[in-house]
Each structure stands twice: as C-alpha cells, then as structure tokens.
N, C-alpha and C. Protein backbone atom coordinates (compact mmCIF):
# COMPACT_ATOMS: atom_id res chain seq x y z
N MET A 1 56.21 35.05 71.88
CA MET A 1 55.42 34.63 70.72
C MET A 1 54.07 34.11 71.20
N GLU A 2 53.02 34.62 70.60
CA GLU A 2 51.65 34.25 70.99
C GLU A 2 51.28 32.90 70.38
N ASN A 3 50.70 32.03 71.21
CA ASN A 3 50.29 30.71 70.76
C ASN A 3 48.83 30.77 70.34
N LYS A 4 48.57 30.78 69.04
CA LYS A 4 47.22 30.91 68.52
C LYS A 4 46.46 29.59 68.67
N LYS A 5 45.24 29.68 69.20
CA LYS A 5 44.40 28.49 69.33
C LYS A 5 43.84 28.13 67.96
N MET A 6 43.79 26.84 67.70
CA MET A 6 43.21 26.37 66.44
C MET A 6 41.69 26.36 66.56
N ASN A 7 41.02 26.63 65.44
CA ASN A 7 39.56 26.50 65.43
C ASN A 7 39.19 25.05 65.14
N ILE A 8 37.92 24.73 65.18
CA ILE A 8 37.47 23.34 65.03
C ILE A 8 37.83 22.77 63.65
N TYR A 9 37.83 23.62 62.62
CA TYR A 9 38.17 23.15 61.28
C TYR A 9 39.64 22.76 61.18
N GLU A 10 40.50 23.56 61.80
CA GLU A 10 41.93 23.24 61.80
C GLU A 10 42.19 21.96 62.60
N LYS A 11 41.48 21.82 63.72
CA LYS A 11 41.63 20.60 64.53
C LYS A 11 41.14 19.38 63.76
N LEU A 12 40.01 19.52 63.08
CA LEU A 12 39.48 18.40 62.30
C LEU A 12 40.47 18.00 61.21
N LEU A 13 41.07 18.98 60.56
CA LEU A 13 42.06 18.68 59.53
C LEU A 13 43.22 17.87 60.11
N LYS A 14 43.68 18.25 61.30
CA LYS A 14 44.76 17.50 61.95
C LYS A 14 44.33 16.06 62.23
N VAL A 15 43.11 15.88 62.72
CA VAL A 15 42.61 14.53 62.99
C VAL A 15 42.54 13.73 61.69
N GLN A 16 42.00 14.35 60.63
CA GLN A 16 41.87 13.66 59.35
C GLN A 16 43.24 13.23 58.81
N MET A 17 44.25 14.07 58.99
CA MET A 17 45.58 13.76 58.48
C MET A 17 46.26 12.66 59.30
N GLU A 18 46.00 12.61 60.59
CA GLU A 18 46.67 11.65 61.48
C GLU A 18 45.96 10.30 61.57
N LEU A 19 44.67 10.29 61.35
CA LEU A 19 43.88 9.08 61.57
C LEU A 19 44.24 7.95 60.60
N LYS A 20 44.55 6.82 61.17
CA LYS A 20 44.75 5.58 60.42
C LYS A 20 43.80 4.57 61.03
N ALA A 21 42.75 4.24 60.32
CA ALA A 21 41.74 3.30 60.83
C ALA A 21 41.90 1.98 60.09
N PRO A 22 42.57 1.01 60.70
CA PRO A 22 42.81 -0.26 60.01
C PRO A 22 41.53 -1.06 59.83
N LYS A 23 41.56 -1.91 58.85
CA LYS A 23 40.43 -2.82 58.61
C LYS A 23 40.66 -4.04 59.50
N GLY A 24 40.04 -4.01 60.67
CA GLY A 24 40.28 -5.03 61.68
C GLY A 24 39.31 -6.20 61.65
N GLN A 25 38.39 -6.21 60.70
CA GLN A 25 37.38 -7.28 60.63
C GLN A 25 37.57 -8.06 59.33
N TYR A 26 37.07 -9.30 59.31
CA TYR A 26 37.18 -10.13 58.11
C TYR A 26 35.83 -10.77 57.81
N ASN A 27 35.39 -10.65 56.57
CA ASN A 27 34.14 -11.26 56.12
C ASN A 27 34.49 -12.60 55.48
N ASN A 28 34.14 -13.70 56.17
CA ASN A 28 34.46 -15.04 55.66
C ASN A 28 33.68 -15.37 54.39
N PHE A 29 32.43 -14.90 54.30
CA PHE A 29 31.61 -15.19 53.12
C PHE A 29 32.19 -14.52 51.88
N GLY A 30 32.51 -13.23 52.00
CA GLY A 30 33.01 -12.47 50.86
C GLY A 30 34.51 -12.49 50.72
N LYS A 31 35.22 -13.00 51.74
CA LYS A 31 36.69 -13.10 51.74
C LYS A 31 37.36 -11.73 51.58
N TYR A 32 36.94 -10.76 52.42
CA TYR A 32 37.59 -9.46 52.38
C TYR A 32 37.65 -8.86 53.78
N LYS A 33 38.59 -7.95 53.95
CA LYS A 33 38.73 -7.22 55.22
C LYS A 33 37.90 -5.95 55.15
N TYR A 34 37.43 -5.50 56.31
CA TYR A 34 36.69 -4.25 56.37
C TYR A 34 36.88 -3.63 57.75
N ARG A 35 36.51 -2.35 57.86
CA ARG A 35 36.59 -1.69 59.18
C ARG A 35 35.18 -1.47 59.69
N SER A 36 35.03 -1.64 60.99
CA SER A 36 33.74 -1.42 61.63
C SER A 36 33.72 -0.04 62.28
N CYS A 37 32.56 0.36 62.74
CA CYS A 37 32.42 1.60 63.49
C CYS A 37 33.35 1.58 64.71
N GLU A 38 33.41 0.44 65.38
CA GLU A 38 34.25 0.30 66.57
C GLU A 38 35.73 0.46 66.23
N ASP A 39 36.16 -0.06 65.07
CA ASP A 39 37.56 0.11 64.64
C ASP A 39 37.90 1.59 64.48
N ILE A 40 36.99 2.34 63.88
CA ILE A 40 37.22 3.77 63.67
C ILE A 40 37.29 4.49 65.01
N LEU A 41 36.32 4.21 65.89
CA LEU A 41 36.30 4.88 67.20
C LEU A 41 37.55 4.59 68.01
N GLU A 42 38.00 3.34 67.99
CA GLU A 42 39.20 2.97 68.73
C GLU A 42 40.42 3.74 68.23
N SER A 43 40.50 3.96 66.92
CA SER A 43 41.63 4.68 66.34
C SER A 43 41.56 6.18 66.56
N VAL A 44 40.35 6.74 66.57
CA VAL A 44 40.22 8.20 66.61
C VAL A 44 40.22 8.79 68.02
N LYS A 45 39.80 8.04 69.02
CA LYS A 45 39.68 8.60 70.38
C LYS A 45 40.97 9.23 70.90
N PRO A 46 42.14 8.58 70.81
CA PRO A 46 43.35 9.23 71.32
C PRO A 46 43.71 10.51 70.55
N ILE A 47 43.41 10.54 69.25
CA ILE A 47 43.70 11.72 68.44
C ILE A 47 42.77 12.86 68.82
N LEU A 48 41.51 12.54 69.10
CA LEU A 48 40.56 13.56 69.55
C LEU A 48 41.04 14.17 70.86
N GLN A 49 41.44 13.32 71.79
CA GLN A 49 41.90 13.81 73.10
C GLN A 49 43.10 14.74 72.95
N LYS A 50 44.05 14.34 72.11
CA LYS A 50 45.26 15.14 71.89
C LYS A 50 44.92 16.52 71.32
N ASN A 51 43.85 16.60 70.54
CA ASN A 51 43.46 17.86 69.90
C ASN A 51 42.34 18.60 70.63
N LYS A 52 42.07 18.17 71.86
CA LYS A 52 41.04 18.79 72.70
C LYS A 52 39.67 18.81 72.01
N LEU A 53 39.32 17.65 71.48
CA LEU A 53 38.03 17.45 70.84
C LEU A 53 37.31 16.30 71.52
N SER A 54 36.01 16.37 71.48
CA SER A 54 35.17 15.28 71.98
C SER A 54 34.19 14.93 70.88
N MET A 55 33.59 13.76 70.99
CA MET A 55 32.65 13.37 69.95
C MET A 55 31.44 12.70 70.57
N GLN A 56 30.29 12.94 69.95
CA GLN A 56 29.04 12.32 70.39
C GLN A 56 28.38 11.71 69.16
N MET A 57 27.77 10.54 69.36
CA MET A 57 27.04 9.88 68.28
C MET A 57 25.59 9.73 68.71
N SER A 58 24.67 9.94 67.76
CA SER A 58 23.25 9.77 68.08
C SER A 58 22.54 9.12 66.90
N ASP A 59 21.45 8.42 67.20
CA ASP A 59 20.63 7.76 66.18
C ASP A 59 19.20 8.28 66.26
N GLU A 60 18.55 8.27 65.11
CA GLU A 60 17.13 8.64 65.05
C GLU A 60 16.47 7.73 64.02
N LEU A 61 15.29 7.24 64.34
CA LEU A 61 14.53 6.42 63.40
C LEU A 61 13.72 7.35 62.51
N VAL A 62 13.87 7.20 61.19
CA VAL A 62 13.20 8.07 60.22
C VAL A 62 12.43 7.19 59.24
N GLN A 63 11.17 7.54 58.98
CA GLN A 63 10.38 6.79 58.01
C GLN A 63 10.32 7.57 56.71
N VAL A 64 10.65 6.90 55.61
CA VAL A 64 10.56 7.47 54.28
C VAL A 64 9.69 6.52 53.47
N GLY A 65 8.46 6.94 53.16
CA GLY A 65 7.51 6.04 52.51
C GLY A 65 7.18 4.91 53.47
N ASP A 66 7.33 3.68 52.99
CA ASP A 66 7.06 2.54 53.87
C ASP A 66 8.34 1.93 54.42
N ARG A 67 9.47 2.61 54.26
CA ARG A 67 10.76 2.11 54.72
C ARG A 67 11.22 2.89 55.95
N TYR A 68 11.92 2.19 56.82
CA TYR A 68 12.51 2.83 57.99
C TYR A 68 14.02 2.91 57.82
N TYR A 69 14.57 4.06 58.18
CA TYR A 69 16.00 4.30 58.10
C TYR A 69 16.49 4.72 59.48
N ILE A 70 17.75 4.38 59.75
CA ILE A 70 18.41 4.91 60.93
C ILE A 70 19.24 6.09 60.46
N LYS A 71 19.00 7.24 61.05
CA LYS A 71 19.77 8.45 60.76
C LYS A 71 20.78 8.59 61.89
N ALA A 72 22.06 8.43 61.57
CA ALA A 72 23.12 8.55 62.57
C ALA A 72 23.85 9.87 62.37
N THR A 73 24.12 10.55 63.47
CA THR A 73 24.83 11.81 63.43
C THR A 73 26.07 11.72 64.31
N ALA A 74 27.22 12.04 63.72
CA ALA A 74 28.48 12.13 64.47
C ALA A 74 28.76 13.61 64.66
N THR A 75 28.83 14.04 65.92
CA THR A 75 29.05 15.46 66.24
C THR A 75 30.39 15.62 66.93
N LEU A 76 31.22 16.48 66.37
CA LEU A 76 32.52 16.80 66.93
C LEU A 76 32.38 18.06 67.76
N LEU A 77 32.92 18.06 68.97
CA LEU A 77 32.83 19.21 69.88
C LEU A 77 34.23 19.68 70.25
N ASP A 78 34.51 20.95 70.02
CA ASP A 78 35.77 21.56 70.44
C ASP A 78 35.61 21.94 71.91
N ILE A 79 36.34 21.27 72.80
CA ILE A 79 36.14 21.51 74.23
C ILE A 79 36.76 22.82 74.70
N GLU A 80 37.51 23.50 73.84
CA GLU A 80 38.07 24.80 74.21
C GLU A 80 37.10 25.94 73.97
N ASP A 81 36.29 25.86 72.91
CA ASP A 81 35.38 26.98 72.62
C ASP A 81 33.92 26.54 72.40
N ASN A 82 33.62 25.26 72.61
CA ASN A 82 32.27 24.70 72.47
C ASN A 82 31.70 24.74 71.06
N SER A 83 32.51 24.99 70.05
CA SER A 83 32.00 24.93 68.68
C SER A 83 31.81 23.46 68.29
N THR A 84 30.87 23.24 67.37
CA THR A 84 30.57 21.86 66.95
C THR A 84 30.53 21.75 65.44
N MET A 85 30.65 20.52 64.98
CA MET A 85 30.55 20.19 63.57
C MET A 85 29.95 18.79 63.49
N SER A 86 29.00 18.57 62.59
CA SER A 86 28.32 17.28 62.51
C SER A 86 28.32 16.73 61.10
N ASN A 87 28.18 15.42 61.02
CA ASN A 87 27.96 14.74 59.75
C ASN A 87 26.90 13.67 59.99
N THR A 88 26.01 13.51 59.02
CA THR A 88 24.89 12.58 59.14
C THR A 88 24.94 11.54 58.03
N ALA A 89 24.52 10.32 58.34
CA ALA A 89 24.42 9.25 57.34
C ALA A 89 23.20 8.40 57.67
N TYR A 90 22.70 7.70 56.67
CA TYR A 90 21.50 6.88 56.82
C TYR A 90 21.79 5.43 56.45
N ALA A 91 21.08 4.51 57.09
CA ALA A 91 21.10 3.09 56.70
C ALA A 91 19.68 2.57 56.87
N ARG A 92 19.27 1.72 55.93
CA ARG A 92 17.90 1.21 55.92
C ARG A 92 17.82 -0.09 56.70
N GLU A 93 16.73 -0.23 57.45
CA GLU A 93 16.45 -1.50 58.12
C GLU A 93 15.93 -2.48 57.08
N ASP A 94 16.47 -3.69 57.08
CA ASP A 94 16.05 -4.72 56.14
C ASP A 94 14.70 -5.28 56.57
N PHE A 95 13.83 -5.53 55.59
CA PHE A 95 12.51 -6.09 55.89
C PHE A 95 12.62 -7.46 56.55
N ASP A 96 13.40 -8.33 55.94
CA ASP A 96 13.43 -9.73 56.35
C ASP A 96 14.87 -10.17 56.52
N LYS A 97 15.34 -10.22 57.72
CA LYS A 97 16.69 -10.68 58.01
C LYS A 97 16.54 -11.96 58.80
N LYS A 98 16.58 -13.08 58.10
CA LYS A 98 16.33 -14.38 58.72
C LYS A 98 17.30 -14.62 59.87
N GLY A 99 16.78 -15.07 61.00
CA GLY A 99 17.62 -15.38 62.15
C GLY A 99 17.93 -14.18 63.03
N MET A 100 17.36 -13.02 62.72
CA MET A 100 17.60 -11.82 63.52
C MET A 100 16.27 -11.27 64.02
N ASP A 101 16.26 -10.84 65.29
CA ASP A 101 15.04 -10.21 65.79
C ASP A 101 15.09 -8.71 65.49
N GLY A 102 14.02 -8.01 65.81
CA GLY A 102 13.90 -6.58 65.47
C GLY A 102 15.02 -5.73 66.02
N SER A 103 15.43 -5.99 67.27
CA SER A 103 16.48 -5.16 67.87
C SER A 103 17.83 -5.41 67.18
N GLN A 104 18.08 -6.63 66.72
CA GLN A 104 19.32 -6.92 66.01
C GLN A 104 19.34 -6.23 64.65
N ILE A 105 18.19 -6.21 63.98
CA ILE A 105 18.10 -5.55 62.67
C ILE A 105 18.36 -4.05 62.83
N THR A 106 17.74 -3.45 63.85
CA THR A 106 17.95 -2.02 64.11
C THR A 106 19.40 -1.75 64.49
N GLY A 107 19.98 -2.62 65.32
CA GLY A 107 21.37 -2.47 65.73
C GLY A 107 22.33 -2.53 64.56
N THR A 108 22.07 -3.43 63.63
CA THR A 108 22.91 -3.55 62.44
C THR A 108 22.81 -2.28 61.59
N ALA A 109 21.60 -1.78 61.39
CA ALA A 109 21.42 -0.55 60.61
C ALA A 109 22.10 0.62 61.31
N SER A 110 22.01 0.68 62.64
CA SER A 110 22.66 1.74 63.41
C SER A 110 24.18 1.69 63.22
N SER A 111 24.76 0.49 63.29
CA SER A 111 26.21 0.35 63.12
C SER A 111 26.66 0.85 61.76
N TYR A 112 25.91 0.46 60.70
CA TYR A 112 26.26 0.92 59.35
C TYR A 112 26.14 2.44 59.24
N ALA A 113 25.04 2.99 59.72
CA ALA A 113 24.83 4.44 59.62
C ALA A 113 25.91 5.20 60.38
N ARG A 114 26.25 4.73 61.59
CA ARG A 114 27.29 5.39 62.38
C ARG A 114 28.64 5.32 61.68
N LYS A 115 28.94 4.16 61.12
CA LYS A 115 30.21 4.00 60.40
C LYS A 115 30.30 5.01 59.26
N TYR A 116 29.23 5.15 58.49
CA TYR A 116 29.27 6.06 57.35
C TYR A 116 29.24 7.53 57.78
N ALA A 117 28.65 7.84 58.91
CA ALA A 117 28.72 9.20 59.45
C ALA A 117 30.17 9.53 59.83
N LEU A 118 30.85 8.57 60.45
CA LEU A 118 32.27 8.75 60.81
C LEU A 118 33.14 8.83 59.56
N ASN A 119 32.87 7.97 58.57
CA ASN A 119 33.63 8.01 57.32
C ASN A 119 33.55 9.40 56.69
N GLY A 120 32.37 9.99 56.67
CA GLY A 120 32.20 11.31 56.08
C GLY A 120 32.90 12.39 56.87
N LEU A 121 32.79 12.33 58.19
CA LEU A 121 33.40 13.36 59.04
C LEU A 121 34.92 13.33 58.96
N PHE A 122 35.49 12.13 58.96
CA PHE A 122 36.95 12.00 59.01
C PHE A 122 37.57 11.68 57.65
N LEU A 123 36.78 11.74 56.57
CA LEU A 123 37.26 11.49 55.21
C LEU A 123 37.91 10.12 55.06
N ILE A 124 37.27 9.11 55.59
CA ILE A 124 37.77 7.74 55.48
C ILE A 124 37.19 7.15 54.20
N ASP A 125 38.07 6.69 53.33
CA ASP A 125 37.65 6.13 52.05
C ASP A 125 37.49 4.62 52.19
N ASP A 126 36.30 4.12 51.96
CA ASP A 126 36.04 2.68 52.05
C ASP A 126 36.02 2.01 50.69
N THR A 127 36.45 2.71 49.64
CA THR A 127 36.42 2.09 48.32
C THR A 127 37.59 1.12 48.18
N LYS A 128 37.47 0.23 47.25
CA LYS A 128 38.48 -0.78 47.00
C LYS A 128 39.13 -0.51 45.65
N ASP A 129 40.36 -1.02 45.47
CA ASP A 129 41.00 -0.95 44.16
C ASP A 129 40.25 -1.87 43.21
N ALA A 130 39.94 -1.36 42.03
CA ALA A 130 39.08 -2.08 41.09
C ALA A 130 39.69 -3.38 40.58
N ASP A 131 41.02 -3.55 40.70
CA ASP A 131 41.62 -4.77 40.17
C ASP A 131 41.86 -5.83 41.24
N THR A 132 41.37 -5.64 42.44
CA THR A 132 41.60 -6.62 43.50
C THR A 132 40.42 -7.57 43.64
N ASN A 133 40.71 -8.76 44.17
CA ASN A 133 39.64 -9.71 44.49
C ASN A 133 38.70 -9.11 45.51
N GLU A 134 39.25 -8.33 46.44
CA GLU A 134 38.45 -7.70 47.49
C GLU A 134 37.37 -6.82 46.86
N TYR A 135 37.77 -6.02 45.86
CA TYR A 135 36.81 -5.14 45.18
C TYR A 135 35.74 -5.97 44.46
N ARG A 136 36.18 -6.99 43.72
CA ARG A 136 35.23 -7.83 42.98
C ARG A 136 34.25 -8.50 43.94
N ASN A 137 34.76 -9.00 45.07
CA ASN A 137 33.88 -9.65 46.05
C ASN A 137 32.87 -8.66 46.61
N GLU A 138 33.32 -7.43 46.89
CA GLU A 138 32.40 -6.44 47.44
C GLU A 138 31.33 -6.06 46.43
N VAL A 139 31.71 -5.92 45.15
CA VAL A 139 30.74 -5.62 44.10
C VAL A 139 29.72 -6.75 43.99
N GLU A 140 30.22 -8.00 44.03
CA GLU A 140 29.32 -9.15 43.96
C GLU A 140 28.38 -9.19 45.16
N ASP A 141 28.93 -8.89 46.36
CA ASP A 141 28.10 -8.86 47.57
C ASP A 141 27.02 -7.78 47.46
N THR A 142 27.39 -6.61 46.92
CA THR A 142 26.43 -5.52 46.77
C THR A 142 25.33 -5.92 45.79
N GLU A 143 25.72 -6.53 44.67
CA GLU A 143 24.71 -6.99 43.71
C GLU A 143 23.80 -8.02 44.36
N HIS A 144 24.38 -8.94 45.13
CA HIS A 144 23.60 -9.98 45.79
C HIS A 144 22.58 -9.35 46.75
N LEU A 145 23.02 -8.34 47.53
CA LEU A 145 22.11 -7.68 48.47
C LEU A 145 20.98 -6.95 47.73
N MET A 146 21.31 -6.31 46.61
CA MET A 146 20.28 -5.61 45.83
C MET A 146 19.27 -6.61 45.28
N LEU A 147 19.77 -7.76 44.80
CA LEU A 147 18.86 -8.79 44.28
C LEU A 147 17.99 -9.36 45.39
N ILE A 148 18.57 -9.57 46.57
CA ILE A 148 17.79 -10.08 47.70
C ILE A 148 16.68 -9.09 48.06
N ASN A 149 17.01 -7.79 48.10
CA ASN A 149 15.99 -6.78 48.41
C ASN A 149 14.86 -6.80 47.38
N GLN A 150 15.24 -6.88 46.09
CA GLN A 150 14.23 -6.91 45.03
C GLN A 150 13.39 -8.19 45.15
N PHE A 151 14.05 -9.31 45.43
CA PHE A 151 13.35 -10.58 45.61
C PHE A 151 12.34 -10.48 46.76
N ASN A 152 12.78 -9.90 47.90
CA ASN A 152 11.89 -9.77 49.07
C ASN A 152 10.66 -8.93 48.75
N GLU A 153 10.87 -7.80 48.06
CA GLU A 153 9.75 -6.92 47.71
C GLU A 153 8.75 -7.64 46.81
N LEU A 154 9.26 -8.32 45.78
CA LEU A 154 8.37 -9.03 44.86
C LEU A 154 7.70 -10.22 45.53
N ALA A 155 8.41 -10.89 46.43
CA ALA A 155 7.83 -12.02 47.16
C ALA A 155 6.63 -11.56 47.98
N GLU A 156 6.75 -10.36 48.58
CA GLU A 156 5.63 -9.79 49.35
C GLU A 156 4.45 -9.51 48.42
N GLU A 157 4.73 -8.88 47.28
CA GLU A 157 3.67 -8.49 46.35
C GLU A 157 2.95 -9.69 45.73
N THR A 158 3.69 -10.79 45.53
CA THR A 158 3.11 -11.98 44.88
C THR A 158 2.64 -13.02 45.89
N ASN A 159 2.78 -12.71 47.18
CA ASN A 159 2.41 -13.65 48.25
C ASN A 159 3.10 -15.00 48.07
N LEU A 160 4.37 -14.96 47.70
CA LEU A 160 5.16 -16.16 47.48
C LEU A 160 5.36 -16.92 48.79
N ASN A 161 5.15 -18.22 48.76
CA ASN A 161 5.43 -19.07 49.91
C ASN A 161 6.94 -19.35 49.90
N ARG A 162 7.69 -18.52 50.60
CA ARG A 162 9.15 -18.61 50.56
C ARG A 162 9.67 -19.92 51.13
N ASP A 163 9.07 -20.38 52.23
CA ASP A 163 9.55 -21.63 52.84
C ASP A 163 9.46 -22.80 51.86
N ALA A 164 8.36 -22.87 51.11
CA ALA A 164 8.21 -23.94 50.11
C ALA A 164 9.26 -23.80 49.01
N LEU A 165 9.51 -22.56 48.58
CA LEU A 165 10.52 -22.32 47.55
C LEU A 165 11.91 -22.71 48.05
N TYR A 166 12.25 -22.30 49.28
CA TYR A 166 13.56 -22.62 49.84
C TYR A 166 13.76 -24.12 49.93
N LYS A 167 12.70 -24.83 50.35
CA LYS A 167 12.77 -26.29 50.47
C LYS A 167 13.02 -26.91 49.09
N LYS A 168 12.29 -26.41 48.09
CA LYS A 168 12.44 -26.91 46.72
C LYS A 168 13.86 -26.69 46.20
N LEU A 169 14.45 -25.54 46.55
CA LEU A 169 15.80 -25.21 46.09
C LEU A 169 16.89 -25.81 46.98
N GLY A 170 16.50 -26.36 48.14
CA GLY A 170 17.48 -26.95 49.05
C GLY A 170 18.30 -25.92 49.81
N VAL A 171 17.69 -24.77 50.11
CA VAL A 171 18.37 -23.72 50.88
C VAL A 171 17.50 -23.34 52.07
N SER A 172 18.11 -22.62 53.02
CA SER A 172 17.32 -22.21 54.19
C SER A 172 16.91 -20.75 54.14
N SER A 173 17.52 -19.95 53.23
CA SER A 173 17.13 -18.54 53.09
C SER A 173 17.51 -18.04 51.71
N ASN A 174 17.02 -16.85 51.36
CA ASN A 174 17.34 -16.28 50.05
C ASN A 174 18.82 -15.89 49.94
N ALA A 175 19.51 -15.72 51.06
CA ALA A 175 20.93 -15.37 51.05
C ALA A 175 21.77 -16.50 50.44
N GLU A 176 21.24 -17.72 50.46
CA GLU A 176 21.97 -18.87 49.93
C GLU A 176 21.70 -19.11 48.45
N ILE A 177 20.82 -18.33 47.86
CA ILE A 177 20.49 -18.49 46.44
C ILE A 177 21.48 -17.64 45.64
N GLY A 178 22.06 -18.22 44.59
CA GLY A 178 23.02 -17.49 43.76
C GLY A 178 22.36 -16.37 42.98
N ASN A 179 23.18 -15.44 42.49
CA ASN A 179 22.67 -14.27 41.76
C ASN A 179 21.88 -14.66 40.51
N ASP A 180 22.38 -15.64 39.75
CA ASP A 180 21.68 -16.04 38.52
C ASP A 180 20.30 -16.59 38.83
N LYS A 181 20.19 -17.43 39.85
CA LYS A 181 18.90 -18.00 40.23
C LYS A 181 17.97 -16.91 40.77
N LEU A 182 18.53 -15.96 41.55
CA LEU A 182 17.71 -14.85 42.05
C LEU A 182 17.14 -14.04 40.89
N LYS A 183 17.97 -13.76 39.88
CA LYS A 183 17.50 -13.01 38.71
C LYS A 183 16.36 -13.75 38.01
N GLU A 184 16.53 -15.07 37.88
CA GLU A 184 15.51 -15.90 37.25
C GLU A 184 14.20 -15.86 38.04
N LEU A 185 14.30 -15.98 39.37
CA LEU A 185 13.10 -15.93 40.22
C LEU A 185 12.43 -14.56 40.16
N ILE A 186 13.24 -13.50 40.12
CA ILE A 186 12.70 -12.13 40.04
C ILE A 186 11.92 -11.96 38.74
N GLU A 187 12.49 -12.43 37.62
CA GLU A 187 11.80 -12.32 36.33
C GLU A 187 10.48 -13.08 36.35
N THR A 188 10.48 -14.27 36.95
CA THR A 188 9.25 -15.07 37.05
C THR A 188 8.19 -14.32 37.84
N MET A 189 8.58 -13.72 38.96
CA MET A 189 7.62 -12.98 39.79
C MET A 189 7.11 -11.74 39.07
N LYS A 190 8.00 -11.08 38.30
CA LYS A 190 7.57 -9.90 37.54
C LYS A 190 6.51 -10.29 36.51
N LYS A 191 6.72 -11.43 35.85
CA LYS A 191 5.74 -11.90 34.86
C LYS A 191 4.42 -12.20 35.54
N LYS A 192 4.50 -12.78 36.73
CA LYS A 192 3.28 -13.09 37.49
C LYS A 192 2.51 -11.82 37.83
N LEU A 193 3.26 -10.71 38.03
CA LEU A 193 2.63 -9.43 38.34
C LEU A 193 2.25 -8.65 37.08
N GLY A 194 2.46 -9.25 35.92
CA GLY A 194 2.08 -8.58 34.67
C GLY A 194 3.17 -7.72 34.10
N GLY A 195 4.42 -8.13 34.27
CA GLY A 195 5.54 -7.40 33.68
C GLY A 195 5.92 -6.14 34.40
N LYS A 196 5.58 -6.05 35.66
CA LYS A 196 5.83 -4.84 36.46
C LYS A 196 7.30 -4.49 36.48
C-alpha cells in the first residue's frame, strides 16, 4: 500500500484540529484570561514538528496616513516539499503610551499583530461568550481604549495641557479616567474645535 504524502493544506488542517492553545495569561485590570503570542507558539511547535512543518514570523513597519502599523506575517513551511502558506495581521502603534518608551510601544504592537496572524492561520477564536463577565469586561476595555484614542487625538488638536487636567482630576494618565468622564471631556474638546 502506497503511503501518500499530505500537502500543506492537509497538514495545516491537522494542526488546526489538534491545536489547543490555552489562555495562560490573566489581566488583573479587566479580570479576564487571555492567550498571548507566546502561549500559541508554545502549543503549536510540537504539532508542527510532528507534521513536518516549520514556521517563520516577520514584522514590517507600515505607514498609513499619519499612523504607523506593524504588519506581522506568519509563514508556514512544509519541509517535505518547500511549499508555503502565510497569513498577515496588523496592529497600530499607540501615539501616547505613558510609561513606555518607543521600543516598548513597537514591541507591544508587534506582539498583538503576531498573535492575530497566528489566530488567522490556525483558526483560533478569541471571541468570548456574550453572557460572561469576561466578555463584558473585554467589551468595556475595548470601549475604554477607543475613547482613550479619541481623547488623545482631540487633545493633540486642541493643544490640551494633559498634565494639568490629570492633576485636576487626581489621576496620573488618561487610562485612569472612567468612560463617562472621557466621553464628557471628548464632547468638551469637540465643542472647542467647533463641533468637529
């Protein structure tokens, strides 16, 4: 009986079916578990080896308008026939990440982009059940991040003295300001800009 070699698509399907990537990290602020890029890599490496596959990850800095994104590519290589398959994902570098230097900001964006490139390649679902506290916390965190980004953009446009505002509010950064207060500040800045 002839033993037929699997092609890269068949091998990828086997990896996708076998891969169990646990959520090995915990976010104390949001009170939820999540998986990191490293968690995925640790889980997938033995399965890749068993299926005669190798993987390479690469990053590229891409500018879109005035924003910088990290473009991460996860490339799967079949070591038996040299065929490849890739998946790409993007993550944006944050303008103002208090307490982080430029290399840390880039590193964080790279980790997110790589994680999402791996999620796409291996069909890892990062969604939460809508009725769990974990899901609600993640939605609230996402809203908070979107409000912070909008606040930062408007603060730049209005030349807002953030340090004075933080002192007045008794906080050290915009991350400590609640969503309702952020919305109020955003509306005030929009009015200052003429209803933009």
